[in-house]
Amino acid sequence: MTQIGHAKVSGKLQITIPKKVQEELGGVENGQYIIFYKEGRKIHIRKGMVNPIE
């Protein structure tokens, strides 16, 4: 496993996605979604689409 960045959590529990992570995701733009996946004790992130709940 290779660390490619880190982020400090703000008072509003938000983070800024580090530039290297943005590049690894193929770029991130305003309004896009970042999806969080859990696998055991690990959390993975991916850029993706969110289907609205009906």
C-alpha atoms as a PDB file:
ATOM      1  CA  MET A   1       0.000   0.000   0.000  1.00  0.00           C
ATOM      2  CA  THR A   2       1.321   3.457  -0.928  1.00  0.00           C
ATOM      3  CA  GLN A   3       0.219   6.669   0.786  1.00  0.00           C
ATOM      4  CA  ILE A   4      -0.425   9.404  -1.783  1.00  0.00           C
ATOM      5  CA  GLY A   5      -1.716  12.154   0.478  1.00  0.00           C
ATOM      6  CA  HIS A   6      -3.319  13.188   3.718  1.00  0.00           C
ATOM      7  CA  ALA A   7      -5.953  15.705   4.800  1.00  0.00           C
ATOM      8  CA  LYS A   8      -6.752  17.462   8.049  1.00  0.00           C
ATOM      9  CA  VAL A   9     -10.397  17.431   9.161  1.00  0.00           C
ATOM     10  CA  SER A  10     -11.899  20.915   9.591  1.00  0.00           C
ATOM     11  CA  GLY A  11     -14.190  22.078  12.392  1.00  0.00           C
ATOM     12  CA  LYS A  12     -17.145  21.230  10.116  1.00  0.00           C
ATOM     13  CA  LEU A  13     -15.780  17.661   9.673  1.00  0.00           C
ATOM     14  CA  GLN A  14     -14.782  18.384   6.049  1.00  0.00           C
ATOM     15  CA  ILE A  15     -11.558  17.618   4.193  1.00  0.00           C
ATOM     16  CA  THR A  16      -9.856  18.927   1.066  1.00  0.00           C
ATOM     17  CA  ILE A  17      -8.904  16.235  -1.414  1.00  0.00           C
ATOM     18  CA  PRO A  18      -5.124  16.425  -1.887  1.00  0.00           C
ATOM     19  CA  LYS A  19      -3.938  17.352  -5.405  1.00  0.00           C
ATOM     20  CA  LYS A  20      -2.173  13.995  -5.929  1.00  0.00           C
ATOM     21  CA  VAL A  21      -5.371  12.123  -4.989  1.00  0.00           C
ATOM     22  CA  GLN A  22      -7.371  14.308  -7.404  1.00  0.00           C
ATOM     23  CA  GLU A  23      -4.888  13.442 -10.153  1.00  0.00           C
ATOM     24  CA  GLU A  24      -5.091   9.712  -9.340  1.00  0.00           C
ATOM     25  CA  LEU A  25      -8.904   9.956  -9.628  1.00  0.00           C
ATOM     26  CA  GLY A  26      -8.532  11.465 -13.113  1.00  0.00           C
ATOM     27  CA  GLY A  27      -9.387  14.977 -11.944  1.00  0.00           C
ATOM     28  CA  VAL A  28     -12.201  16.177  -9.709  1.00  0.00           C
ATOM     29  CA  GLU A  29     -14.566  19.011 -10.577  1.00  0.00           C
ATOM     30  CA  ASN A  30     -17.164  20.992  -8.664  1.00  0.00           C
ATOM     31  CA  GLY A  31     -20.414  19.044  -8.371  1.00  0.00           C
ATOM     32  CA  GLN A  32     -18.887  15.594  -8.901  1.00  0.00           C
ATOM     33  CA  TYR A  33     -19.336  12.884  -6.294  1.00  0.00           C
ATOM     34  CA  ILE A  34     -16.686  10.976  -4.382  1.00  0.00           C
ATOM     35  CA  ILE A  35     -17.976   7.563  -3.289  1.00  0.00           C
ATOM     36  CA  PHE A  36     -16.666   5.880  -0.122  1.00  0.00           C
ATOM     37  CA  TYR A  37     -16.528   2.072   0.051  1.00  0.00           C
ATOM     38  CA  LYS A  38     -15.793  -0.095   3.078  1.00  0.00           C
ATOM     39  CA  GLU A  39     -13.853  -3.355   2.779  1.00  0.00           C
ATOM     40  CA  GLY A  40     -13.188  -4.896   6.164  1.00  0.00           C
ATOM     41  CA  ARG A  41     -11.349  -2.196   8.124  1.00  0.00           C
ATOM     42  CA  LYS A  42     -10.303  -0.278   4.992  1.00  0.00           C
ATOM     43  CA  ILE A  43     -12.072   2.644   3.328  1.00  0.00           C
ATOM     44  CA  HIS A  44     -11.661   3.147  -0.421  1.00  0.00           C
ATOM     45  CA  ILE A  45     -12.692   6.176  -2.462  1.00  0.00           C
ATOM     46  CA  ARG A  46     -13.712   6.466  -6.097  1.00  0.00           C
ATOM     47  CA  LYS A  47     -15.110   9.171  -8.275  1.00  0.00           C
ATOM     48  CA  GLY A  48     -18.618   8.160  -9.311  1.00  0.00           C
ATOM     49  CA  MET A  49     -22.265   8.789  -9.871  1.00  0.00           C
ATOM     50  CA  VAL A  50     -24.987   8.737  -7.233  1.00  0.00           C
ATOM     51  CA  ASN A  51     -28.447   7.429  -8.086  1.00  0.00           C
ATOM     52  CA  PRO A  52     -31.182   9.524  -6.459  1.00  0.00           C
ATOM     53  CA  ILE A  53     -33.375   7.735  -3.912  1.00  0.00           C
ATOM     54  CA  GLU A  54     -36.950   7.546  -5.111  1.00  0.00           C
END
